[in-house]
Amino acid sequence: MRIDIVSDVVCPWCFIGKRRLERALAMRPQPAVEIGWRPFALNPDVPPEGADRRAYVAAKFGGADQAAQLYAQVAEVGVGENIFFAFDRIERTPNTMQAHRLIRHAGAKGVQDAVVEGLFAAYFLEGVDVGQTDALVAVADAAGMDGDETRQWLESGAEADQVAQEIGAAQQMGIGGVPCFIFERKYALTGAQAPEAFFQVFDKLAEDAAAPAGG
């Protein structure tokens, strides 16, 4: 089963959605699962150097109080998935293009899921600015990638065009929010859904597989 996940590393619901998919697959194991992470620009207007977190969030959500209320709700949901968000530690809202490039590169190295997990944890649990090369190299190194090679690759700008094209393709597909889970390039599930929602897709794919050819 091929599952493509359109996501951004600064999206807390994407972190929650990752956990819920993992729970669904643990509860209802599926044959030959292959997961690929695809880029999405949740905050496309953030400059390359990032932005002050408090100012950016306040502007995006209409004030600091409103933002605090929203993140308190997210944090409460996160606890249910054993994610202990530390939003107060985050000082910068990063531009995530470099992080998406790293995720793409990690896919070629066979450690994409570990890198995605590392980026989520670094940003949401430790408040690390994952727009910075040093932070990205540290995540890559922890996932088993060669740190020096990763740094050179990131600094080269390689595959930035491909990442930008993938972001554009997601928009053209009508994906306006993340996470978005695409199963076998046939069915899509948007949002951090409960495991039972994934079960419905699993069942549909099983029905498709069992159907007579041409039926």
N, C-alpha and C. Protein backbone atom coordinates (compact mmCIF):
# COMPACT_ATOMS: atom_id res chain seq x y z
N MET A 1 0.84 -1.20 0.00
CA MET A 1 0.00 0.00 0.00
C MET A 1 0.88 1.24 0.00
N ARG A 2 0.65 2.11 -0.96
CA ARG A 2 1.38 3.36 -1.06
C ARG A 2 0.57 4.46 -0.39
N ILE A 3 1.20 5.17 0.54
CA ILE A 3 0.56 6.31 1.20
C ILE A 3 1.47 7.52 1.03
N ASP A 4 0.98 8.54 0.34
CA ASP A 4 1.71 9.80 0.22
C ASP A 4 1.09 10.80 1.19
N ILE A 5 1.93 11.43 1.99
CA ILE A 5 1.45 12.37 3.00
C ILE A 5 1.93 13.77 2.64
N VAL A 6 1.00 14.63 2.31
CA VAL A 6 1.31 16.03 2.03
C VAL A 6 1.29 16.76 3.37
N SER A 7 2.40 17.42 3.68
CA SER A 7 2.59 17.91 5.05
C SER A 7 3.58 19.07 5.08
N ASP A 8 3.55 19.80 6.19
CA ASP A 8 4.58 20.80 6.45
C ASP A 8 5.10 20.59 7.87
N VAL A 9 6.38 20.78 8.07
CA VAL A 9 6.99 20.46 9.36
C VAL A 9 6.61 21.44 10.46
N VAL A 10 5.99 22.57 10.11
CA VAL A 10 5.54 23.51 11.14
C VAL A 10 4.04 23.39 11.39
N CYS A 11 3.44 22.33 10.91
CA CYS A 11 2.01 22.08 11.10
C CYS A 11 1.82 21.10 12.26
N PRO A 12 1.30 21.56 13.40
CA PRO A 12 1.13 20.64 14.53
C PRO A 12 0.15 19.52 14.24
N TRP A 13 -0.85 19.79 13.43
CA TRP A 13 -1.82 18.75 13.08
C TRP A 13 -1.18 17.67 12.22
N CYS A 14 -0.13 18.01 11.48
CA CYS A 14 0.59 17.00 10.70
C CYS A 14 1.33 16.04 11.63
N PHE A 15 1.89 16.56 12.72
CA PHE A 15 2.54 15.71 13.72
C PHE A 15 1.51 14.78 14.36
N ILE A 16 0.36 15.34 14.71
CA ILE A 16 -0.71 14.53 15.28
C ILE A 16 -1.21 13.50 14.27
N GLY A 17 -1.37 13.93 13.02
CA GLY A 17 -1.83 13.02 11.98
C GLY A 17 -0.86 11.86 11.75
N LYS A 18 0.42 12.14 11.84
CA LYS A 18 1.44 11.08 11.72
C LYS A 18 1.23 10.04 12.80
N ARG A 19 1.03 10.48 14.03
CA ARG A 19 0.82 9.55 15.14
C ARG A 19 -0.46 8.72 14.94
N ARG A 20 -1.49 9.36 14.44
CA ARG A 20 -2.76 8.65 14.28
C ARG A 20 -2.69 7.64 13.15
N LEU A 21 -1.97 7.97 12.09
CA LEU A 21 -1.77 6.98 11.03
C LEU A 21 -0.97 5.80 11.57
N GLU A 22 0.05 6.09 12.34
CA GLU A 22 0.86 5.02 12.93
C GLU A 22 0.00 4.12 13.83
N ARG A 23 -0.89 4.72 14.58
CA ARG A 23 -1.79 3.93 15.42
C ARG A 23 -2.72 3.07 14.57
N ALA A 24 -3.24 3.66 13.50
CA ALA A 24 -4.14 2.92 12.62
C ALA A 24 -3.44 1.72 12.01
N LEU A 25 -2.19 1.91 11.59
CA LEU A 25 -1.45 0.81 10.98
C LEU A 25 -1.06 -0.25 12.01
N ALA A 26 -0.86 0.17 13.26
CA ALA A 26 -0.56 -0.80 14.32
C ALA A 26 -1.81 -1.62 14.67
N MET A 27 -2.96 -0.97 14.64
CA MET A 27 -4.22 -1.65 14.96
C MET A 27 -4.72 -2.52 13.81
N ARG A 28 -4.47 -2.03 12.58
CA ARG A 28 -4.92 -2.77 11.40
C ARG A 28 -3.76 -2.83 10.39
N PRO A 29 -2.80 -3.72 10.63
CA PRO A 29 -1.63 -3.80 9.73
C PRO A 29 -2.05 -4.03 8.28
N GLN A 30 -1.35 -3.35 7.38
CA GLN A 30 -1.63 -3.44 5.96
C GLN A 30 -0.42 -4.02 5.23
N PRO A 31 -0.65 -4.66 4.09
CA PRO A 31 0.46 -5.29 3.37
C PRO A 31 1.37 -4.29 2.67
N ALA A 32 2.67 -4.50 2.83
CA ALA A 32 3.68 -3.76 2.08
C ALA A 32 3.43 -2.26 2.06
N VAL A 33 3.35 -1.67 3.24
CA VAL A 33 3.10 -0.23 3.33
C VAL A 33 4.36 0.55 2.95
N GLU A 34 4.18 1.50 2.06
CA GLU A 34 5.26 2.39 1.63
C GLU A 34 4.76 3.82 1.80
N ILE A 35 5.45 4.58 2.62
CA ILE A 35 5.02 5.95 2.92
C ILE A 35 6.00 6.95 2.32
N GLY A 36 5.47 7.95 1.65
CA GLY A 36 6.28 9.03 1.12
C GLY A 36 5.75 10.37 1.59
N TRP A 37 6.65 11.25 1.99
CA TRP A 37 6.27 12.57 2.49
C TRP A 37 6.43 13.61 1.39
N ARG A 38 5.38 14.41 1.18
CA ARG A 38 5.36 15.41 0.12
C ARG A 38 5.25 16.81 0.72
N PRO A 39 5.86 17.80 0.09
CA PRO A 39 5.93 19.14 0.68
C PRO A 39 4.67 19.97 0.51
N PHE A 40 4.46 20.83 1.47
CA PHE A 40 3.38 21.82 1.43
C PHE A 40 3.90 23.07 2.14
N ALA A 41 3.57 24.23 1.60
CA ALA A 41 4.01 25.49 2.20
C ALA A 41 2.86 26.09 3.00
N LEU A 42 2.85 25.82 4.30
CA LEU A 42 1.79 26.33 5.16
C LEU A 42 1.89 27.85 5.32
N ASN A 43 3.13 28.34 5.36
CA ASN A 43 3.36 29.78 5.52
C ASN A 43 4.28 30.27 4.39
N PRO A 44 3.78 30.34 3.17
CA PRO A 44 4.65 30.65 2.03
C PRO A 44 5.25 32.04 2.05
N ASP A 45 4.68 32.94 2.84
CA ASP A 45 5.17 34.31 2.87
C ASP A 45 6.28 34.53 3.89
N VAL A 46 6.67 33.50 4.63
CA VAL A 46 7.76 33.66 5.59
C VAL A 46 9.07 33.82 4.81
N PRO A 47 9.89 34.83 5.13
CA PRO A 47 11.14 35.03 4.40
C PRO A 47 12.13 33.89 4.66
N PRO A 48 13.14 33.75 3.81
CA PRO A 48 14.10 32.65 3.95
C PRO A 48 14.76 32.57 5.33
N GLU A 49 14.96 33.72 5.95
CA GLU A 49 15.60 33.72 7.27
C GLU A 49 14.63 33.46 8.41
N GLY A 50 13.35 33.29 8.09
CA GLY A 50 12.35 33.05 9.13
C GLY A 50 11.79 34.36 9.65
N ALA A 51 10.91 34.24 10.65
CA ALA A 51 10.26 35.41 11.23
C ALA A 51 10.09 35.22 12.72
N ASP A 52 9.99 36.34 13.43
CA ASP A 52 9.73 36.27 14.87
C ASP A 52 8.42 35.55 15.11
N ARG A 53 8.46 34.52 15.92
CA ARG A 53 7.30 33.66 16.11
C ARG A 53 6.09 34.42 16.67
N ARG A 54 6.29 35.17 17.73
CA ARG A 54 5.16 35.83 18.39
C ARG A 54 4.48 36.83 17.47
N ALA A 55 5.27 37.62 16.77
CA ALA A 55 4.70 38.62 15.87
C ALA A 55 3.98 37.95 14.71
N TYR A 56 4.59 36.92 14.16
CA TYR A 56 3.99 36.25 13.01
C TYR A 56 2.68 35.56 13.39
N VAL A 57 2.69 34.85 14.49
CA VAL A 57 1.49 34.11 14.93
C VAL A 57 0.36 35.08 15.28
N ALA A 58 0.73 36.17 15.96
CA ALA A 58 -0.30 37.15 16.33
C ALA A 58 -0.95 37.74 15.09
N ALA A 59 -0.14 38.02 14.07
CA ALA A 59 -0.68 38.58 12.83
C ALA A 59 -1.54 37.55 12.09
N LYS A 60 -1.10 36.31 12.10
CA LYS A 60 -1.81 35.27 11.35
C LYS A 60 -3.16 34.93 11.99
N PHE A 61 -3.21 34.91 13.32
CA PHE A 61 -4.42 34.47 14.00
C PHE A 61 -5.23 35.60 14.61
N GLY A 62 -4.83 36.85 14.34
CA GLY A 62 -5.62 37.98 14.79
C GLY A 62 -5.36 38.40 16.22
N GLY A 63 -4.18 38.10 16.73
CA GLY A 63 -3.82 38.53 18.08
C GLY A 63 -3.21 37.40 18.89
N ALA A 64 -2.41 37.80 19.88
CA ALA A 64 -1.70 36.81 20.70
C ALA A 64 -2.66 35.95 21.52
N ASP A 65 -3.74 36.57 22.02
CA ASP A 65 -4.69 35.81 22.84
C ASP A 65 -5.38 34.72 22.02
N GLN A 66 -5.80 35.08 20.81
CA GLN A 66 -6.46 34.09 19.96
C GLN A 66 -5.50 32.95 19.61
N ALA A 67 -4.25 33.31 19.32
CA ALA A 67 -3.25 32.28 19.00
C ALA A 67 -3.03 31.36 20.19
N ALA A 68 -2.94 31.94 21.38
CA ALA A 68 -2.72 31.13 22.58
C ALA A 68 -3.86 30.15 22.81
N GLN A 69 -5.08 30.58 22.57
CA GLN A 69 -6.24 29.70 22.73
C GLN A 69 -6.19 28.54 21.74
N LEU A 70 -5.85 28.85 20.50
CA LEU A 70 -5.77 27.81 19.48
C LEU A 70 -4.69 26.78 19.81
N TYR A 71 -3.54 27.27 20.24
CA TYR A 71 -2.45 26.34 20.52
C TYR A 71 -2.70 25.55 21.80
N ALA A 72 -3.45 26.11 22.72
CA ALA A 72 -3.83 25.35 23.92
C ALA A 72 -4.71 24.17 23.53
N GLN A 73 -5.59 24.38 22.57
CA GLN A 73 -6.45 23.30 22.09
C GLN A 73 -5.63 22.22 21.40
N VAL A 74 -4.68 22.66 20.58
CA VAL A 74 -3.82 21.71 19.88
C VAL A 74 -3.00 20.90 20.89
N ALA A 75 -2.47 21.58 21.89
CA ALA A 75 -1.66 20.91 22.90
C ALA A 75 -2.47 19.85 23.64
N GLU A 76 -3.73 20.15 23.92
CA GLU A 76 -4.58 19.18 24.61
C GLU A 76 -4.79 17.93 23.76
N VAL A 77 -5.01 18.12 22.47
CA VAL A 77 -5.16 16.97 21.58
C VAL A 77 -3.84 16.19 21.49
N GLY A 78 -2.74 16.93 21.46
CA GLY A 78 -1.44 16.28 21.36
C GLY A 78 -1.15 15.35 22.51
N VAL A 79 -1.55 15.73 23.71
CA VAL A 79 -1.31 14.88 24.88
C VAL A 79 -1.94 13.50 24.66
N GLY A 80 -3.10 13.47 24.03
CA GLY A 80 -3.77 12.21 23.75
C GLY A 80 -2.99 11.31 22.81
N GLU A 81 -2.04 11.89 22.08
CA GLU A 81 -1.21 11.12 21.16
C GLU A 81 0.23 11.02 21.68
N ASN A 82 0.41 11.33 22.96
CA ASN A 82 1.75 11.32 23.58
C ASN A 82 2.71 12.30 22.91
N ILE A 83 2.15 13.40 22.45
CA ILE A 83 2.96 14.52 21.94
C ILE A 83 2.78 15.67 22.91
N PHE A 84 3.87 16.12 23.47
CA PHE A 84 3.80 17.19 24.47
C PHE A 84 4.37 18.47 23.87
N PHE A 85 3.50 19.14 23.12
CA PHE A 85 3.91 20.35 22.43
C PHE A 85 4.46 21.38 23.41
N ALA A 86 5.55 22.02 23.01
CA ALA A 86 6.17 23.07 23.81
C ALA A 86 6.19 24.35 22.97
N PHE A 87 5.00 24.87 22.68
CA PHE A 87 4.91 26.04 21.83
C PHE A 87 5.65 27.24 22.41
N ASP A 88 5.75 27.31 23.72
CA ASP A 88 6.42 28.45 24.36
C ASP A 88 7.92 28.47 24.09
N ARG A 89 8.47 27.34 23.65
CA ARG A 89 9.90 27.28 23.35
C ARG A 89 10.23 27.80 21.95
N ILE A 90 9.23 27.91 21.11
CA ILE A 90 9.47 28.29 19.71
C ILE A 90 9.60 29.81 19.61
N GLU A 91 10.75 30.26 19.14
CA GLU A 91 11.00 31.69 19.02
C GLU A 91 10.97 32.18 17.58
N ARG A 92 11.18 31.26 16.63
CA ARG A 92 11.19 31.64 15.22
C ARG A 92 10.23 30.76 14.43
N THR A 93 9.50 31.38 13.50
CA THR A 93 8.71 30.64 12.52
C THR A 93 9.59 30.51 11.28
N PRO A 94 10.02 29.30 10.95
CA PRO A 94 10.98 29.16 9.85
C PRO A 94 10.31 29.10 8.49
N ASN A 95 11.07 29.46 7.48
CA ASN A 95 10.72 29.10 6.12
C ASN A 95 11.12 27.62 5.98
N THR A 96 10.21 26.78 5.48
CA THR A 96 10.45 25.34 5.52
C THR A 96 10.98 24.74 4.21
N MET A 97 11.37 25.57 3.26
CA MET A 97 11.87 25.04 2.01
C MET A 97 13.08 24.12 2.22
N GLN A 98 14.03 24.55 3.06
CA GLN A 98 15.21 23.73 3.30
C GLN A 98 14.84 22.41 3.99
N ALA A 99 13.90 22.48 4.90
CA ALA A 99 13.46 21.26 5.57
C ALA A 99 12.82 20.30 4.57
N HIS A 100 12.03 20.82 3.65
CA HIS A 100 11.41 19.97 2.64
C HIS A 100 12.47 19.37 1.71
N ARG A 101 13.50 20.14 1.41
CA ARG A 101 14.59 19.59 0.60
C ARG A 101 15.28 18.45 1.35
N LEU A 102 15.48 18.63 2.64
CA LEU A 102 16.10 17.57 3.43
C LEU A 102 15.23 16.31 3.43
N ILE A 103 13.93 16.49 3.59
CA ILE A 103 13.02 15.34 3.58
C ILE A 103 13.11 14.60 2.24
N ARG A 104 13.15 15.35 1.16
CA ARG A 104 13.28 14.73 -0.16
C ARG A 104 14.59 13.95 -0.26
N HIS A 105 15.67 14.55 0.20
CA HIS A 105 16.99 13.90 0.16
C HIS A 105 16.98 12.65 1.04
N ALA A 106 16.33 12.74 2.19
CA ALA A 106 16.26 11.60 3.10
C ALA A 106 15.51 10.43 2.47
N GLY A 107 14.55 10.74 1.59
CA GLY A 107 13.84 9.69 0.89
C GLY A 107 14.78 8.87 0.02
N ALA A 108 15.72 9.54 -0.62
CA ALA A 108 16.70 8.84 -1.45
C ALA A 108 17.66 8.01 -0.61
N LYS A 109 17.80 8.38 0.66
CA LYS A 109 18.70 7.66 1.56
C LYS A 109 17.98 6.58 2.36
N GLY A 110 16.66 6.49 2.21
CA GLY A 110 15.90 5.47 2.91
C GLY A 110 15.59 5.76 4.36
N VAL A 111 15.69 7.03 4.76
CA VAL A 111 15.44 7.37 6.17
C VAL A 111 14.45 8.54 6.27
N GLN A 112 13.53 8.61 5.33
CA GLN A 112 12.64 9.77 5.29
C GLN A 112 11.77 9.88 6.54
N ASP A 113 11.18 8.77 6.97
CA ASP A 113 10.30 8.84 8.13
C ASP A 113 11.05 9.30 9.37
N ALA A 114 12.27 8.82 9.55
CA ALA A 114 13.07 9.21 10.72
C ALA A 114 13.39 10.69 10.69
N VAL A 115 13.65 11.23 9.50
CA VAL A 115 13.95 12.66 9.39
C VAL A 115 12.70 13.49 9.66
N VAL A 116 11.55 13.07 9.12
CA VAL A 116 10.31 13.79 9.39
C VAL A 116 10.02 13.79 10.88
N GLU A 117 10.15 12.65 11.52
CA GLU A 117 9.93 12.55 12.96
C GLU A 117 10.89 13.47 13.71
N GLY A 118 12.14 13.48 13.28
CA GLY A 118 13.14 14.33 13.92
C GLY A 118 12.85 15.81 13.77
N LEU A 119 12.35 16.21 12.61
CA LEU A 119 12.01 17.61 12.39
C LEU A 119 10.82 18.03 13.25
N PHE A 120 9.78 17.20 13.28
CA PHE A 120 8.64 17.50 14.14
C PHE A 120 9.07 17.64 15.59
N ALA A 121 9.86 16.69 16.07
CA ALA A 121 10.28 16.70 17.46
C ALA A 121 11.16 17.92 17.76
N ALA A 122 12.08 18.22 16.86
CA ALA A 122 12.98 19.36 17.09
C ALA A 122 12.20 20.66 17.19
N TYR A 123 11.25 20.84 16.28
CA TYR A 123 10.51 22.10 16.24
C TYR A 123 9.49 22.20 17.37
N PHE A 124 8.66 21.18 17.51
CA PHE A 124 7.52 21.29 18.42
C PHE A 124 7.84 20.92 19.87
N LEU A 125 8.86 20.12 20.09
CA LEU A 125 9.18 19.72 21.46
C LEU A 125 10.35 20.49 22.03
N GLU A 126 11.28 20.92 21.15
CA GLU A 126 12.49 21.59 21.62
C GLU A 126 12.57 23.05 21.19
N GLY A 127 11.70 23.48 20.29
CA GLY A 127 11.73 24.86 19.85
C GLY A 127 12.88 25.19 18.92
N VAL A 128 13.44 24.19 18.25
CA VAL A 128 14.57 24.41 17.35
C VAL A 128 14.10 25.09 16.07
N ASP A 129 14.89 26.02 15.57
CA ASP A 129 14.61 26.69 14.30
C ASP A 129 15.02 25.76 13.17
N VAL A 130 14.06 25.02 12.62
CA VAL A 130 14.38 24.03 11.59
C VAL A 130 14.52 24.65 10.20
N GLY A 131 14.65 25.95 10.16
CA GLY A 131 15.00 26.62 8.91
C GLY A 131 16.50 26.82 8.78
N GLN A 132 17.24 26.52 9.85
CA GLN A 132 18.69 26.73 9.88
C GLN A 132 19.43 25.46 9.48
N THR A 133 20.48 25.62 8.70
CA THR A 133 21.23 24.48 8.20
C THR A 133 21.78 23.61 9.33
N ASP A 134 22.33 24.23 10.38
CA ASP A 134 22.89 23.44 11.47
C ASP A 134 21.85 22.53 12.10
N ALA A 135 20.64 23.05 12.28
CA ALA A 135 19.57 22.26 12.87
C ALA A 135 19.19 21.10 11.95
N LEU A 136 19.12 21.35 10.66
CA LEU A 136 18.76 20.32 9.71
C LEU A 136 19.83 19.23 9.65
N VAL A 137 21.08 19.62 9.70
CA VAL A 137 22.17 18.64 9.69
C VAL A 137 22.11 17.78 10.94
N ALA A 138 21.79 18.38 12.08
CA ALA A 138 21.70 17.62 13.32
C ALA A 138 20.59 16.58 13.24
N VAL A 139 19.46 16.96 12.66
CA VAL A 139 18.35 16.01 12.50
C VAL A 139 18.76 14.88 11.56
N ALA A 140 19.40 15.25 10.45
CA ALA A 140 19.83 14.25 9.48
C ALA A 140 20.83 13.28 10.11
N ASP A 141 21.77 13.82 10.86
CA ASP A 141 22.79 12.99 11.50
C ASP A 141 22.14 12.00 12.48
N ALA A 142 21.17 12.47 13.25
CA ALA A 142 20.48 11.59 14.21
C ALA A 142 19.70 10.49 13.51
N ALA A 143 19.28 10.75 12.27
CA ALA A 143 18.52 9.76 11.50
C ALA A 143 19.43 8.79 10.75
N GLY A 144 20.74 8.98 10.87
CA GLY A 144 21.68 8.06 10.24
C GLY A 144 22.29 8.55 8.95
N MET A 145 22.01 9.79 8.56
CA MET A 145 22.61 10.35 7.35
C MET A 145 23.99 10.91 7.67
N ASP A 146 24.81 11.04 6.67
CA ASP A 146 26.14 11.61 6.84
C ASP A 146 26.01 13.13 6.97
N GLY A 147 26.46 13.66 8.10
CA GLY A 147 26.29 15.08 8.38
C GLY A 147 27.01 15.98 7.39
N ASP A 148 28.26 15.66 7.05
CA ASP A 148 29.02 16.50 6.14
C ASP A 148 28.41 16.49 4.74
N GLU A 149 28.03 15.30 4.30
CA GLU A 149 27.42 15.20 2.97
C GLU A 149 26.10 15.95 2.93
N THR A 150 25.33 15.85 4.01
CA THR A 150 24.03 16.53 4.07
C THR A 150 24.22 18.04 4.02
N ARG A 151 25.19 18.55 4.76
CA ARG A 151 25.45 19.99 4.76
C ARG A 151 25.82 20.47 3.35
N GLN A 152 26.70 19.74 2.70
CA GLN A 152 27.09 20.13 1.34
C GLN A 152 25.89 20.11 0.40
N TRP A 153 25.05 19.09 0.56
CA TRP A 153 23.89 18.96 -0.31
C TRP A 153 22.92 20.12 -0.08
N LEU A 154 22.66 20.44 1.18
CA LEU A 154 21.76 21.54 1.49
C LEU A 154 22.29 22.86 0.96
N GLU A 155 23.58 23.09 1.14
CA GLU A 155 24.17 24.35 0.71
C GLU A 155 24.26 24.47 -0.80
N SER A 156 24.16 23.34 -1.50
CA SER A 156 24.24 23.36 -2.96
C SER A 156 22.96 23.87 -3.62
N GLY A 157 21.85 23.81 -2.88
CA GLY A 157 20.56 24.21 -3.45
C GLY A 157 19.93 23.14 -4.33
N ALA A 158 20.49 21.94 -4.31
CA ALA A 158 20.00 20.87 -5.17
C ALA A 158 18.53 20.56 -4.92
N GLU A 159 17.81 20.33 -5.99
CA GLU A 159 16.42 19.87 -5.99
C GLU A 159 15.43 20.87 -5.38
N ALA A 160 15.84 22.11 -5.23
CA ALA A 160 14.91 23.14 -4.76
C ALA A 160 13.78 23.34 -5.77
N ASP A 161 14.11 23.29 -7.05
CA ASP A 161 13.09 23.45 -8.08
C ASP A 161 12.06 22.33 -8.02
N GLN A 162 12.53 21.10 -7.78
CA GLN A 162 11.62 19.97 -7.71
C GLN A 162 10.67 20.10 -6.52
N VAL A 163 11.20 20.57 -5.39
CA VAL A 163 10.35 20.77 -4.21
C VAL A 163 9.31 21.84 -4.49
N ALA A 164 9.73 22.94 -5.11
CA ALA A 164 8.79 24.01 -5.45
C ALA A 164 7.70 23.50 -6.39
N GLN A 165 8.10 22.66 -7.34
CA GLN A 165 7.12 22.09 -8.27
C GLN A 165 6.12 21.19 -7.55
N GLU A 166 6.60 20.42 -6.58
CA GLU A 166 5.71 19.55 -5.83
C GLU A 166 4.72 20.37 -5.00
N ILE A 167 5.19 21.47 -4.43
CA ILE A 167 4.30 22.35 -3.67
C ILE A 167 3.22 22.91 -4.60
N GLY A 168 3.65 23.33 -5.78
CA GLY A 168 2.69 23.83 -6.76
C GLY A 168 1.71 22.77 -7.21
N ALA A 169 2.18 21.55 -7.36
CA ALA A 169 1.31 20.45 -7.78
C ALA A 169 0.24 20.17 -6.74
N ALA A 170 0.62 20.25 -5.46
CA ALA A 170 -0.36 20.04 -4.39
C ALA A 170 -1.47 21.09 -4.46
N GLN A 171 -1.07 22.33 -4.73
CA GLN A 171 -2.06 23.39 -4.84
C GLN A 171 -2.97 23.16 -6.04
N GLN A 172 -2.39 22.72 -7.15
CA GLN A 172 -3.19 22.45 -8.35
C GLN A 172 -4.16 21.30 -8.15
N MET A 173 -3.79 20.37 -7.28
CA MET A 173 -4.67 19.25 -6.96
C MET A 173 -5.83 19.67 -6.05
N GLY A 174 -5.77 20.91 -5.57
CA GLY A 174 -6.83 21.41 -4.70
C GLY A 174 -6.58 21.17 -3.24
N ILE A 175 -5.35 20.79 -2.88
CA ILE A 175 -5.02 20.57 -1.48
C ILE A 175 -4.80 21.94 -0.83
N GLY A 176 -5.72 22.30 0.06
CA GLY A 176 -5.63 23.61 0.70
C GLY A 176 -5.25 23.55 2.16
N GLY A 177 -5.18 22.34 2.70
CA GLY A 177 -4.81 22.18 4.10
C GLY A 177 -4.12 20.84 4.31
N VAL A 178 -3.35 20.77 5.35
CA VAL A 178 -2.60 19.55 5.65
C VAL A 178 -2.81 19.16 7.12
N PRO A 179 -2.58 17.87 7.41
CA PRO A 179 -2.07 16.82 6.53
C PRO A 179 -3.11 16.33 5.55
N CYS A 180 -2.63 15.84 4.42
CA CYS A 180 -3.50 15.18 3.45
C CYS A 180 -2.85 13.84 3.10
N PHE A 181 -3.59 12.77 3.34
CA PHE A 181 -3.09 11.41 3.11
C PHE A 181 -3.68 10.89 1.81
N ILE A 182 -2.83 10.51 0.88
CA ILE A 182 -3.28 10.01 -0.41
C ILE A 182 -2.91 8.53 -0.52
N PHE A 183 -3.92 7.69 -0.69
CA PHE A 183 -3.73 6.25 -0.70
C PHE A 183 -3.77 5.71 -2.13
N GLU A 184 -2.67 5.08 -2.51
CA GLU A 184 -2.57 4.44 -3.83
C GLU A 184 -2.95 5.41 -4.96
N ARG A 185 -2.73 6.69 -4.72
CA ARG A 185 -3.05 7.73 -5.70
C ARG A 185 -4.52 7.69 -6.13
N LYS A 186 -5.37 7.14 -5.26
CA LYS A 186 -6.79 7.00 -5.59
C LYS A 186 -7.70 7.71 -4.60
N TYR A 187 -7.40 7.60 -3.32
CA TYR A 187 -8.26 8.13 -2.28
C TYR A 187 -7.47 9.08 -1.38
N ALA A 188 -8.13 10.14 -0.95
CA ALA A 188 -7.48 11.14 -0.10
C ALA A 188 -8.27 11.32 1.19
N LEU A 189 -7.52 11.52 2.26
CA LEU A 189 -8.10 11.78 3.57
C LEU A 189 -7.39 13.01 4.12
N THR A 190 -8.15 14.05 4.40
CA THR A 190 -7.55 15.31 4.85
C THR A 190 -7.79 15.51 6.34
N GLY A 191 -6.76 16.00 7.02
CA GLY A 191 -6.87 16.30 8.44
C GLY A 191 -6.30 15.19 9.31
N ALA A 192 -6.11 15.53 10.59
CA ALA A 192 -5.57 14.57 11.56
C ALA A 192 -6.69 13.67 12.05
N GLN A 193 -7.12 12.77 11.19
CA GLN A 193 -8.28 11.94 11.45
C GLN A 193 -7.97 10.86 12.48
N ALA A 194 -9.02 10.39 13.15
CA ALA A 194 -8.90 9.27 14.08
C ALA A 194 -8.58 8.00 13.30
N PRO A 195 -8.00 6.99 13.95
CA PRO A 195 -7.67 5.74 13.25
C PRO A 195 -8.84 5.14 12.49
N GLU A 196 -10.05 5.26 13.02
CA GLU A 196 -11.22 4.67 12.37
C GLU A 196 -11.44 5.22 10.96
N ALA A 197 -11.08 6.46 10.74
CA ALA A 197 -11.21 7.04 9.40
C ALA A 197 -10.25 6.35 8.42
N PHE A 198 -9.06 6.02 8.89
CA PHE A 198 -8.12 5.29 8.05
C PHE A 198 -8.64 3.89 7.76
N PHE A 199 -9.29 3.28 8.75
CA PHE A 199 -9.82 1.93 8.54
C PHE A 199 -10.78 1.90 7.35
N GLN A 200 -11.58 2.93 7.21
CA GLN A 200 -12.54 2.97 6.10
C GLN A 200 -11.82 2.95 4.75
N VAL A 201 -10.70 3.67 4.68
CA VAL A 201 -9.93 3.67 3.44
C VAL A 201 -9.28 2.31 3.22
N PHE A 202 -8.74 1.72 4.30
CA PHE A 202 -8.15 0.39 4.18
C PHE A 202 -9.17 -0.59 3.61
N ASP A 203 -10.39 -0.53 4.13
CA ASP A 203 -11.45 -1.44 3.68
C ASP A 203 -11.78 -1.21 2.21
N LYS A 204 -11.84 0.05 1.80
CA LYS A 204 -12.15 0.37 0.42
C LYS A 204 -11.07 -0.16 -0.52
N LEU A 205 -9.82 -0.02 -0.13
CA LEU A 205 -8.73 -0.52 -0.96
C LEU A 205 -8.76 -2.04 -1.03
N ALA A 206 -9.12 -2.68 0.07
CA ALA A 206 -9.24 -4.15 0.07
C ALA A 206 -10.37 -4.59 -0.86
N GLU A 207 -11.46 -3.85 -0.86
CA GLU A 207 -12.58 -4.15 -1.77
C GLU A 207 -12.14 -3.99 -3.22
N ASP A 208 -11.40 -2.94 -3.49
CA ASP A 208 -10.91 -2.70 -4.86
C ASP A 208 -10.02 -3.86 -5.30
N ALA A 209 -9.15 -4.31 -4.39
CA ALA A 209 -8.22 -5.38 -4.74
C ALA A 209 -8.93 -6.70 -4.99
N ALA A 210 -10.05 -6.90 -4.30
CA ALA A 210 -10.79 -8.14 -4.42
C ALA A 210 -11.76 -8.15 -5.59
N ALA A 211 -12.05 -6.97 -6.14
CA ALA A 211 -13.02 -6.87 -7.22
C ALA A 211 -12.48 -7.52 -8.50
N PRO A 212 -13.33 -8.18 -9.26
CA PRO A 212 -12.89 -8.77 -10.53
C PRO A 212 -12.36 -7.69 -11.48
N ALA A 213 -11.40 -8.04 -12.26
CA ALA A 213 -10.84 -7.10 -13.22
C ALA A 213 -11.94 -6.63 -14.17
N GLY A 214 -12.02 -5.32 -14.34
CA GLY A 214 -13.02 -4.74 -15.21
C GLY A 214 -14.38 -4.61 -14.56
N GLY A 215 -14.45 -5.00 -13.24
CA GLY A 215 -15.74 -4.94 -12.55
C GLY A 215 -16.01 -3.59 -11.97
